[in-house]
Amino acid sequence: MISNCDPRIATWDEDGESFTIFNKEMLAQKEIPKFFRHSNYSSFARGLNSYMFRRESMANENNGISHRYSHPNFLRGKPELLQLIVPRRNRHSSTRPITDIVNQLKAANAQWEAYHFGVVDSLKHQIEQLSDDLSSLQDSVHHLELENESLRRSVETSNKFDWNEILSDEKFENVENT
């Protein structure tokens, strides 16, 4: 609204951190009805107040009063900040904020529990898989130990033979001569 407004009615200030309304009657007649269902400047100003805009009043060139409005999240060229502008809470509804906080805590707790149980289930599954892998490795090691023992016995048995005696045997001599 301010960006497209006639600068004689209202405009952004140079720093882009506030806007000034120079002619509230013209704003009510020409600009407010384009964006709201009324043409009442007082309602517009109350709305800004309910959204916690800060107002400064100052004398203008026409011996009238201009109003400068600012809000930390209402900055020229930063429309992404508009979602952070929220109305002030109703002073008469003291239990609502507590209810909101309780509901937020319940939701956060439910999310934490879902995450926690998901992580715990995943870790249990990983432990089971590692346990199965360990059992398989232990079986492989036992099998290798048995093979190693068998090979060791074979080597010991083969070392007991006197190969010179076996090779000097007549049967081997005849084979060598033929």
N, C-alpha and C. Protein backbone atom coordinates (compact mmCIF):
# COMPACT_ATOMS: atom_id res chain seq x y z
N MET A 1 0.82 -1.17 0.00
CA MET A 1 0.00 0.00 0.00
C MET A 1 0.88 1.26 0.00
N ILE A 2 1.86 1.31 0.89
CA ILE A 2 2.71 2.49 1.01
C ILE A 2 3.57 2.65 -0.24
N SER A 3 4.05 1.55 -0.79
CA SER A 3 4.92 1.63 -1.95
C SER A 3 4.21 2.20 -3.17
N ASN A 4 2.91 1.99 -3.28
CA ASN A 4 2.15 2.44 -4.45
C ASN A 4 1.34 3.72 -4.20
N CYS A 5 1.48 4.28 -3.05
CA CYS A 5 0.70 5.44 -2.64
C CYS A 5 1.28 6.73 -3.24
N ASP A 6 0.40 7.70 -3.48
CA ASP A 6 0.84 9.04 -3.90
C ASP A 6 1.75 9.59 -2.79
N PRO A 7 2.99 9.97 -3.10
CA PRO A 7 3.93 10.42 -2.06
C PRO A 7 3.49 11.68 -1.32
N ARG A 8 2.50 12.41 -1.85
CA ARG A 8 1.97 13.56 -1.13
C ARG A 8 1.02 13.12 -0.01
N ILE A 9 0.56 11.84 -0.10
CA ILE A 9 -0.36 11.30 0.91
C ILE A 9 0.44 10.53 1.97
N ALA A 10 1.25 9.59 1.51
CA ALA A 10 2.08 8.78 2.41
C ALA A 10 3.23 8.19 1.61
N THR A 11 4.36 8.00 2.27
CA THR A 11 5.52 7.42 1.58
C THR A 11 6.48 6.79 2.58
N TRP A 12 7.34 5.94 2.06
CA TRP A 12 8.42 5.37 2.86
C TRP A 12 9.40 6.49 3.22
N ASP A 13 9.96 6.45 4.39
CA ASP A 13 11.03 7.37 4.74
C ASP A 13 12.32 6.91 4.04
N GLU A 14 13.29 7.77 3.96
CA GLU A 14 14.51 7.49 3.20
C GLU A 14 15.20 6.20 3.65
N ASP A 15 15.23 5.93 4.94
CA ASP A 15 15.94 4.74 5.44
C ASP A 15 15.17 3.44 5.19
N GLY A 16 13.90 3.52 4.79
CA GLY A 16 13.10 2.33 4.52
C GLY A 16 12.68 1.58 5.77
N GLU A 17 12.89 2.20 6.94
CA GLU A 17 12.54 1.54 8.20
C GLU A 17 11.25 2.09 8.80
N SER A 18 10.65 3.09 8.14
CA SER A 18 9.39 3.67 8.62
C SER A 18 8.69 4.33 7.44
N PHE A 19 7.42 4.66 7.64
CA PHE A 19 6.69 5.40 6.62
C PHE A 19 5.94 6.54 7.31
N THR A 20 5.70 7.57 6.54
CA THR A 20 5.03 8.75 7.10
C THR A 20 3.74 9.01 6.32
N ILE A 21 2.68 9.30 7.06
CA ILE A 21 1.40 9.68 6.47
C ILE A 21 1.28 11.19 6.62
N PHE A 22 1.23 11.88 5.47
CA PHE A 22 1.17 13.34 5.47
C PHE A 22 -0.28 13.84 5.47
N ASN A 23 -1.18 13.07 4.82
CA ASN A 23 -2.56 13.53 4.69
C ASN A 23 -3.48 12.36 5.01
N LYS A 24 -3.91 12.27 6.24
CA LYS A 24 -4.71 11.12 6.66
C LYS A 24 -6.10 11.13 6.02
N GLU A 25 -6.67 12.31 5.68
CA GLU A 25 -7.98 12.36 5.03
C GLU A 25 -7.90 11.76 3.63
N MET A 26 -6.88 12.14 2.88
CA MET A 26 -6.71 11.60 1.51
C MET A 26 -6.38 10.11 1.57
N LEU A 27 -5.60 9.68 2.56
CA LEU A 27 -5.31 8.26 2.71
C LEU A 27 -6.61 7.49 2.93
N ALA A 28 -7.48 8.03 3.79
CA ALA A 28 -8.75 7.37 4.08
C ALA A 28 -9.64 7.31 2.84
N GLN A 29 -9.64 8.35 2.03
CA GLN A 29 -10.51 8.39 0.85
C GLN A 29 -9.97 7.54 -0.30
N LYS A 30 -8.66 7.62 -0.58
CA LYS A 30 -8.10 7.01 -1.79
C LYS A 30 -7.43 5.65 -1.58
N GLU A 31 -6.69 5.49 -0.51
CA GLU A 31 -5.85 4.30 -0.37
C GLU A 31 -6.45 3.21 0.53
N ILE A 32 -6.95 3.59 1.67
CA ILE A 32 -7.46 2.57 2.62
C ILE A 32 -8.53 1.69 1.98
N PRO A 33 -9.51 2.23 1.22
CA PRO A 33 -10.54 1.35 0.62
C PRO A 33 -9.99 0.35 -0.39
N LYS A 34 -8.82 0.61 -0.94
CA LYS A 34 -8.22 -0.33 -1.89
C LYS A 34 -7.79 -1.63 -1.20
N PHE A 35 -7.52 -1.55 0.10
CA PHE A 35 -6.95 -2.69 0.81
C PHE A 35 -7.81 -3.19 1.97
N PHE A 36 -8.77 -2.37 2.42
CA PHE A 36 -9.61 -2.73 3.56
C PHE A 36 -11.07 -2.50 3.20
N ARG A 37 -11.97 -3.05 3.99
CA ARG A 37 -13.40 -2.91 3.74
C ARG A 37 -13.98 -1.64 4.37
N HIS A 38 -13.16 -0.68 4.63
CA HIS A 38 -13.61 0.58 5.21
C HIS A 38 -12.74 1.71 4.68
N SER A 39 -13.12 2.92 5.04
CA SER A 39 -12.32 4.09 4.66
C SER A 39 -12.13 4.98 5.89
N ASN A 40 -11.89 4.34 7.00
CA ASN A 40 -11.79 5.05 8.28
C ASN A 40 -10.33 5.07 8.73
N TYR A 41 -9.75 6.24 8.77
CA TYR A 41 -8.36 6.37 9.18
C TYR A 41 -8.16 5.91 10.63
N SER A 42 -9.11 6.22 11.51
CA SER A 42 -8.97 5.83 12.93
C SER A 42 -8.91 4.31 13.07
N SER A 43 -9.72 3.59 12.28
CA SER A 43 -9.67 2.12 12.32
C SER A 43 -8.33 1.62 11.80
N PHE A 44 -7.84 2.26 10.74
CA PHE A 44 -6.53 1.90 10.19
C PHE A 44 -5.44 2.10 11.24
N ALA A 45 -5.48 3.26 11.92
CA ALA A 45 -4.47 3.56 12.95
C ALA A 45 -4.57 2.58 14.12
N ARG A 46 -5.80 2.23 14.53
CA ARG A 46 -5.97 1.23 15.61
C ARG A 46 -5.39 -0.12 15.19
N GLY A 47 -5.60 -0.46 13.92
CA GLY A 47 -5.04 -1.72 13.40
C GLY A 47 -3.52 -1.73 13.49
N LEU A 48 -2.91 -0.62 13.08
CA LEU A 48 -1.44 -0.53 13.18
C LEU A 48 -1.01 -0.67 14.64
N ASN A 49 -1.75 -0.03 15.53
CA ASN A 49 -1.44 -0.12 16.96
C ASN A 49 -1.57 -1.55 17.47
N SER A 50 -2.61 -2.25 17.01
CA SER A 50 -2.79 -3.64 17.49
C SER A 50 -1.68 -4.56 17.00
N TYR A 51 -1.03 -4.18 15.88
CA TYR A 51 0.10 -4.96 15.37
C TYR A 51 1.43 -4.40 15.87
N MET A 52 1.36 -3.56 16.89
CA MET A 52 2.51 -3.02 17.60
C MET A 52 3.41 -2.12 16.76
N PHE A 53 2.82 -1.37 15.82
CA PHE A 53 3.57 -0.34 15.12
C PHE A 53 3.76 0.83 16.08
N ARG A 54 4.90 1.43 16.02
CA ARG A 54 5.19 2.60 16.86
C ARG A 54 4.83 3.86 16.07
N ARG A 55 4.16 4.81 16.70
CA ARG A 55 3.75 6.03 16.01
C ARG A 55 4.42 7.24 16.62
N GLU A 56 4.89 8.13 15.73
CA GLU A 56 5.42 9.44 16.13
C GLU A 56 4.58 10.48 15.42
N SER A 57 4.16 11.47 16.13
CA SER A 57 3.43 12.59 15.52
C SER A 57 4.35 13.78 15.41
N MET A 58 4.24 14.53 14.30
CA MET A 58 5.09 15.70 14.10
C MET A 58 4.35 16.71 13.23
N ALA A 59 4.71 17.94 13.39
CA ALA A 59 4.11 19.00 12.57
C ALA A 59 4.65 18.91 11.15
N ASN A 60 3.78 19.14 10.17
CA ASN A 60 4.24 19.11 8.78
C ASN A 60 4.20 20.51 8.18
N GLU A 61 4.53 20.63 6.91
CA GLU A 61 4.63 21.92 6.23
C GLU A 61 3.31 22.69 6.20
N ASN A 62 2.20 21.98 6.17
CA ASN A 62 0.89 22.61 6.04
C ASN A 62 0.28 22.94 7.40
N ASN A 63 1.11 23.03 8.41
CA ASN A 63 0.66 23.27 9.79
C ASN A 63 -0.29 22.18 10.28
N GLY A 64 -0.20 21.03 9.66
CA GLY A 64 -0.97 19.88 10.11
C GLY A 64 -0.06 18.92 10.87
N ILE A 65 -0.58 17.76 11.16
CA ILE A 65 0.22 16.75 11.88
C ILE A 65 0.42 15.54 10.97
N SER A 66 1.65 15.13 10.84
CA SER A 66 1.99 13.90 10.11
C SER A 66 2.26 12.81 11.14
N HIS A 67 2.04 11.60 10.70
CA HIS A 67 2.29 10.46 11.59
C HIS A 67 3.32 9.54 10.94
N ARG A 68 4.36 9.23 11.68
CA ARG A 68 5.38 8.28 11.21
C ARG A 68 5.17 6.98 11.97
N TYR A 69 5.10 5.87 11.21
CA TYR A 69 4.89 4.55 11.80
C TYR A 69 6.11 3.69 11.50
N SER A 70 6.47 2.89 12.48
CA SER A 70 7.60 1.96 12.27
C SER A 70 7.33 0.66 13.03
N HIS A 71 7.94 -0.38 12.53
CA HIS A 71 7.88 -1.71 13.15
C HIS A 71 9.16 -2.43 12.73
N PRO A 72 9.80 -3.15 13.63
CA PRO A 72 11.08 -3.80 13.28
C PRO A 72 10.98 -4.77 12.10
N ASN A 73 9.79 -5.28 11.83
CA ASN A 73 9.64 -6.26 10.74
C ASN A 73 8.88 -5.69 9.54
N PHE A 74 8.69 -4.37 9.51
CA PHE A 74 8.04 -3.72 8.37
C PHE A 74 9.08 -2.81 7.73
N LEU A 75 9.81 -3.39 6.76
CA LEU A 75 10.92 -2.69 6.13
C LEU A 75 10.73 -2.70 4.61
N ARG A 76 11.06 -1.58 3.99
CA ARG A 76 10.93 -1.48 2.53
C ARG A 76 11.80 -2.55 1.86
N GLY A 77 11.19 -3.26 0.89
CA GLY A 77 11.92 -4.26 0.12
C GLY A 77 12.14 -5.58 0.85
N LYS A 78 11.51 -5.79 1.99
CA LYS A 78 11.69 -7.04 2.75
C LYS A 78 10.32 -7.69 3.05
N PRO A 79 9.59 -8.10 2.02
CA PRO A 79 8.26 -8.67 2.25
C PRO A 79 8.29 -9.99 3.03
N GLU A 80 9.43 -10.67 3.05
CA GLU A 80 9.53 -11.93 3.79
C GLU A 80 9.38 -11.74 5.30
N LEU A 81 9.59 -10.51 5.78
CA LEU A 81 9.47 -10.24 7.21
C LEU A 81 8.02 -10.01 7.64
N LEU A 82 7.12 -9.79 6.68
CA LEU A 82 5.73 -9.47 7.03
C LEU A 82 5.09 -10.56 7.88
N GLN A 83 5.45 -11.82 7.65
CA GLN A 83 4.86 -12.91 8.42
C GLN A 83 5.22 -12.85 9.91
N LEU A 84 6.23 -12.08 10.24
CA LEU A 84 6.63 -11.95 11.64
C LEU A 84 5.84 -10.88 12.38
N ILE A 85 5.02 -10.13 11.65
CA ILE A 85 4.21 -9.10 12.28
C ILE A 85 2.90 -9.74 12.73
N VAL A 86 2.74 -9.85 14.02
CA VAL A 86 1.55 -10.50 14.58
C VAL A 86 0.87 -9.53 15.55
N PRO A 87 -0.44 -9.68 15.70
CA PRO A 87 -1.14 -8.75 16.61
C PRO A 87 -0.79 -9.04 18.06
N ARG A 88 -0.91 -8.02 18.85
CA ARG A 88 -0.70 -8.15 20.29
C ARG A 88 -1.81 -9.04 20.82
N ARG A 89 -1.50 -9.81 21.82
CA ARG A 89 -2.50 -10.71 22.41
C ARG A 89 -3.58 -9.92 23.13
N ASN A 90 -4.76 -10.49 23.12
CA ASN A 90 -5.89 -9.89 23.81
C ASN A 90 -5.63 -9.88 25.31
N ARG A 91 -5.68 -8.73 25.93
CA ARG A 91 -5.39 -8.61 27.37
C ARG A 91 -6.43 -9.32 28.23
N HIS A 92 -7.64 -9.50 27.69
CA HIS A 92 -8.73 -10.09 28.48
C HIS A 92 -8.69 -11.61 28.47
N SER A 93 -7.87 -12.19 27.67
CA SER A 93 -7.83 -13.64 27.55
C SER A 93 -6.54 -14.16 28.17
N SER A 94 -6.49 -14.20 29.49
CA SER A 94 -5.25 -14.55 30.17
C SER A 94 -4.95 -16.04 30.13
N THR A 95 -5.97 -16.89 29.96
CA THR A 95 -5.70 -18.33 29.95
C THR A 95 -5.28 -18.83 28.57
N ARG A 96 -5.58 -18.10 27.53
CA ARG A 96 -5.25 -18.56 26.19
C ARG A 96 -3.75 -18.74 25.97
N PRO A 97 -2.91 -17.79 26.36
CA PRO A 97 -1.48 -18.01 26.15
C PRO A 97 -0.96 -19.24 26.88
N ILE A 98 -1.46 -19.49 28.09
CA ILE A 98 -1.03 -20.68 28.84
C ILE A 98 -1.47 -21.93 28.10
N THR A 99 -2.69 -21.94 27.59
CA THR A 99 -3.19 -23.08 26.82
C THR A 99 -2.34 -23.29 25.58
N ASP A 100 -1.99 -22.20 24.90
CA ASP A 100 -1.13 -22.31 23.72
C ASP A 100 0.22 -22.91 24.08
N ILE A 101 0.79 -22.45 25.17
CA ILE A 101 2.10 -22.97 25.60
C ILE A 101 2.00 -24.44 25.96
N VAL A 102 0.95 -24.82 26.68
CA VAL A 102 0.76 -26.23 27.04
C VAL A 102 0.62 -27.08 25.79
N ASN A 103 -0.17 -26.61 24.83
CA ASN A 103 -0.34 -27.37 23.59
C ASN A 103 0.96 -27.47 22.80
N GLN A 104 1.74 -26.39 22.78
CA GLN A 104 3.03 -26.43 22.11
C GLN A 104 3.98 -27.41 22.80
N LEU A 105 3.95 -27.42 24.14
CA LEU A 105 4.80 -28.36 24.87
C LEU A 105 4.39 -29.80 24.62
N LYS A 106 3.07 -30.04 24.58
CA LYS A 106 2.58 -31.39 24.29
C LYS A 106 3.01 -31.84 22.90
N ALA A 107 2.88 -30.93 21.94
CA ALA A 107 3.28 -31.27 20.57
C ALA A 107 4.78 -31.54 20.49
N ALA A 108 5.56 -30.70 21.17
CA ALA A 108 7.02 -30.89 21.18
C ALA A 108 7.38 -32.21 21.85
N ASN A 109 6.69 -32.53 22.95
CA ASN A 109 6.94 -33.78 23.65
C ASN A 109 6.60 -34.98 22.75
N ALA A 110 5.48 -34.89 22.05
CA ALA A 110 5.09 -35.98 21.14
C ALA A 110 6.13 -36.16 20.04
N GLN A 111 6.63 -35.04 19.50
CA GLN A 111 7.67 -35.12 18.47
C GLN A 111 8.94 -35.73 19.05
N TRP A 112 9.30 -35.32 20.27
CA TRP A 112 10.51 -35.86 20.88
C TRP A 112 10.36 -37.36 21.11
N GLU A 113 9.20 -37.78 21.62
CA GLU A 113 8.98 -39.21 21.87
C GLU A 113 9.04 -40.00 20.57
N ALA A 114 8.42 -39.49 19.51
CA ALA A 114 8.47 -40.19 18.22
C ALA A 114 9.90 -40.30 17.74
N TYR A 115 10.66 -39.23 17.87
CA TYR A 115 12.06 -39.25 17.46
C TYR A 115 12.85 -40.23 18.32
N HIS A 116 12.65 -40.12 19.65
CA HIS A 116 13.36 -40.97 20.60
C HIS A 116 13.11 -42.45 20.31
N PHE A 117 11.81 -42.82 20.17
CA PHE A 117 11.50 -44.23 19.94
C PHE A 117 11.99 -44.68 18.57
N GLY A 118 11.98 -43.78 17.60
CA GLY A 118 12.53 -44.11 16.29
C GLY A 118 14.01 -44.40 16.38
N VAL A 119 14.73 -43.57 17.11
CA VAL A 119 16.18 -43.76 17.28
C VAL A 119 16.45 -45.04 18.06
N VAL A 120 15.69 -45.27 19.13
CA VAL A 120 15.89 -46.47 19.94
C VAL A 120 15.61 -47.73 19.11
N ASP A 121 14.52 -47.73 18.34
CA ASP A 121 14.22 -48.88 17.49
C ASP A 121 15.32 -49.12 16.47
N SER A 122 15.82 -48.04 15.89
CA SER A 122 16.90 -48.16 14.91
C SER A 122 18.16 -48.74 15.56
N LEU A 123 18.49 -48.25 16.76
CA LEU A 123 19.66 -48.76 17.47
C LEU A 123 19.49 -50.23 17.85
N LYS A 124 18.29 -50.62 18.28
CA LYS A 124 18.03 -52.03 18.60
C LYS A 124 18.25 -52.90 17.38
N HIS A 125 17.75 -52.44 16.23
CA HIS A 125 17.92 -53.21 15.00
C HIS A 125 19.40 -53.32 14.64
N GLN A 126 20.14 -52.22 14.79
CA GLN A 126 21.58 -52.24 14.49
C GLN A 126 22.31 -53.19 15.45
N ILE A 127 21.93 -53.21 16.71
CA ILE A 127 22.56 -54.11 17.68
C ILE A 127 22.29 -55.55 17.32
N GLU A 128 21.04 -55.85 16.95
CA GLU A 128 20.70 -57.22 16.54
C GLU A 128 21.53 -57.63 15.33
N GLN A 129 21.66 -56.72 14.34
CA GLN A 129 22.44 -57.02 13.14
C GLN A 129 23.91 -57.24 13.49
N LEU A 130 24.46 -56.39 14.37
CA LEU A 130 25.85 -56.55 14.79
C LEU A 130 26.05 -57.85 15.56
N SER A 131 25.07 -58.22 16.37
CA SER A 131 25.15 -59.47 17.13
C SER A 131 25.16 -60.66 16.17
N ASP A 132 24.30 -60.62 15.15
CA ASP A 132 24.29 -61.69 14.14
C ASP A 132 25.63 -61.74 13.40
N ASP A 133 26.16 -60.56 13.03
CA ASP A 133 27.45 -60.51 12.34
C ASP A 133 28.56 -61.07 13.22
N LEU A 134 28.54 -60.73 14.52
CA LEU A 134 29.55 -61.23 15.46
C LEU A 134 29.46 -62.75 15.58
N SER A 135 28.26 -63.28 15.67
CA SER A 135 28.08 -64.72 15.77
C SER A 135 28.63 -65.42 14.52
N SER A 136 28.36 -64.83 13.36
CA SER A 136 28.87 -65.40 12.11
C SER A 136 30.39 -65.35 12.08
N LEU A 137 30.97 -64.25 12.53
CA LEU A 137 32.44 -64.14 12.58
C LEU A 137 33.04 -65.14 13.57
N GLN A 138 32.39 -65.34 14.69
CA GLN A 138 32.88 -66.31 15.66
C GLN A 138 32.85 -67.72 15.08
N ASP A 139 31.80 -68.04 14.32
CA ASP A 139 31.72 -69.36 13.67
C ASP A 139 32.85 -69.51 12.66
N SER A 140 33.12 -68.43 11.89
CA SER A 140 34.19 -68.48 10.90
C SER A 140 35.54 -68.67 11.58
N VAL A 141 35.78 -67.96 12.66
CA VAL A 141 37.03 -68.09 13.40
C VAL A 141 37.19 -69.51 13.93
N HIS A 142 36.12 -70.08 14.49
CA HIS A 142 36.18 -71.45 15.01
C HIS A 142 36.50 -72.43 13.89
N HIS A 143 35.85 -72.24 12.72
CA HIS A 143 36.11 -73.11 11.58
C HIS A 143 37.57 -72.99 11.13
N LEU A 144 38.09 -71.77 11.09
CA LEU A 144 39.48 -71.56 10.69
C LEU A 144 40.44 -72.18 11.71
N GLU A 145 40.09 -72.09 12.98
CA GLU A 145 40.94 -72.72 14.01
C GLU A 145 40.98 -74.24 13.82
N LEU A 146 39.84 -74.84 13.49
CA LEU A 146 39.81 -76.29 13.25
C LEU A 146 40.65 -76.65 12.03
N GLU A 147 40.53 -75.87 10.96
CA GLU A 147 41.34 -76.13 9.76
C GLU A 147 42.82 -75.96 10.06
N ASN A 148 43.14 -74.93 10.84
CA ASN A 148 44.53 -74.68 11.21
C ASN A 148 45.08 -75.88 12.00
N GLU A 149 44.28 -76.40 12.94
CA GLU A 149 44.71 -77.55 13.74
C GLU A 149 44.93 -78.77 12.85
N SER A 150 44.04 -78.96 11.89
CA SER A 150 44.17 -80.10 10.97
C SER A 150 45.43 -79.98 10.12
N LEU A 151 45.68 -78.77 9.63
CA LEU A 151 46.89 -78.56 8.83
C LEU A 151 48.15 -78.75 9.67
N ARG A 152 48.10 -78.26 10.89
CA ARG A 152 49.25 -78.42 11.78
C ARG A 152 49.55 -79.91 11.98
N ARG A 153 48.51 -80.70 12.19
CA ARG A 153 48.72 -82.15 12.39
C ARG A 153 49.28 -82.80 11.13
N SER A 154 48.79 -82.36 9.99
CA SER A 154 49.29 -82.92 8.74
C SER A 154 50.78 -82.62 8.57
N VAL A 155 51.17 -81.39 8.91
CA VAL A 155 52.57 -81.02 8.78
C VAL A 155 53.41 -81.82 9.78
N GLU A 156 52.92 -81.98 10.99
CA GLU A 156 53.66 -82.76 11.98
C GLU A 156 53.82 -84.21 11.52
N THR A 157 52.77 -84.76 10.96
CA THR A 157 52.82 -86.14 10.48
C THR A 157 53.81 -86.26 9.33
N SER A 158 53.77 -85.29 8.40
CA SER A 158 54.67 -85.36 7.25
C SER A 158 56.12 -85.17 7.68
N ASN A 159 56.36 -84.43 8.75
CA ASN A 159 57.72 -84.23 9.24
C ASN A 159 58.26 -85.49 9.92
N LYS A 160 57.39 -86.41 10.31
CA LYS A 160 57.84 -87.62 10.98
C LYS A 160 58.44 -88.62 9.98
N PHE A 161 58.10 -88.48 8.72
CA PHE A 161 58.64 -89.39 7.72
C PHE A 161 60.09 -89.05 7.46
N ASP A 162 60.87 -90.11 7.22
CA ASP A 162 62.24 -89.88 6.79
C ASP A 162 62.22 -89.96 5.29
N TRP A 163 62.16 -88.82 4.67
CA TRP A 163 62.00 -88.77 3.23
C TRP A 163 63.20 -89.39 2.51
N ASN A 164 64.36 -89.31 3.11
CA ASN A 164 65.54 -89.95 2.48
C ASN A 164 65.36 -91.46 2.44
N GLU A 165 64.82 -91.98 3.50
CA GLU A 165 64.59 -93.42 3.55
C GLU A 165 63.53 -93.82 2.54
N ILE A 166 62.49 -93.03 2.42
CA ILE A 166 61.42 -93.35 1.49
C ILE A 166 61.94 -93.25 0.07
N LEU A 167 62.71 -92.24 -0.22
CA LEU A 167 63.21 -92.04 -1.57
C LEU A 167 64.30 -93.06 -1.92
N SER A 168 64.96 -93.59 -0.94
CA SER A 168 66.00 -94.60 -1.22
C SER A 168 65.38 -95.99 -1.34
N ASP A 169 64.16 -96.10 -1.11
CA ASP A 169 63.45 -97.37 -1.22
C ASP A 169 63.59 -97.87 -2.66
N GLU A 170 63.66 -99.19 -2.83
CA GLU A 170 63.87 -99.81 -4.14
C GLU A 170 62.80 -99.41 -5.15
N LYS A 171 61.61 -99.26 -4.72
CA LYS A 171 60.52 -98.92 -5.65
C LYS A 171 60.80 -97.57 -6.31
N PHE A 172 61.30 -96.65 -5.52
CA PHE A 172 61.55 -95.32 -6.09
C PHE A 172 62.79 -95.35 -6.98
N GLU A 173 63.76 -96.24 -6.63
CA GLU A 173 64.96 -96.31 -7.46
C GLU A 173 64.60 -96.86 -8.82
N ASN A 174 63.74 -97.85 -8.86
CA ASN A 174 63.33 -98.42 -10.14
C ASN A 174 62.58 -97.39 -10.98
N VAL A 175 61.83 -96.58 -10.34
CA VAL A 175 61.05 -95.55 -11.09
C VAL A 175 62.02 -94.54 -11.64
N GLU A 176 63.07 -94.23 -10.92
CA GLU A 176 64.01 -93.22 -11.38
C GLU A 176 64.83 -93.76 -12.56
N ASN A 177 65.10 -95.02 -12.57
CA ASN A 177 65.93 -95.61 -13.62
C ASN A 177 65.19 -95.81 -14.92
N THR A 178 63.94 -95.85 -14.92
CA THR A 178 63.20 -96.13 -16.15
C THR A 178 62.94 -94.91 -16.96
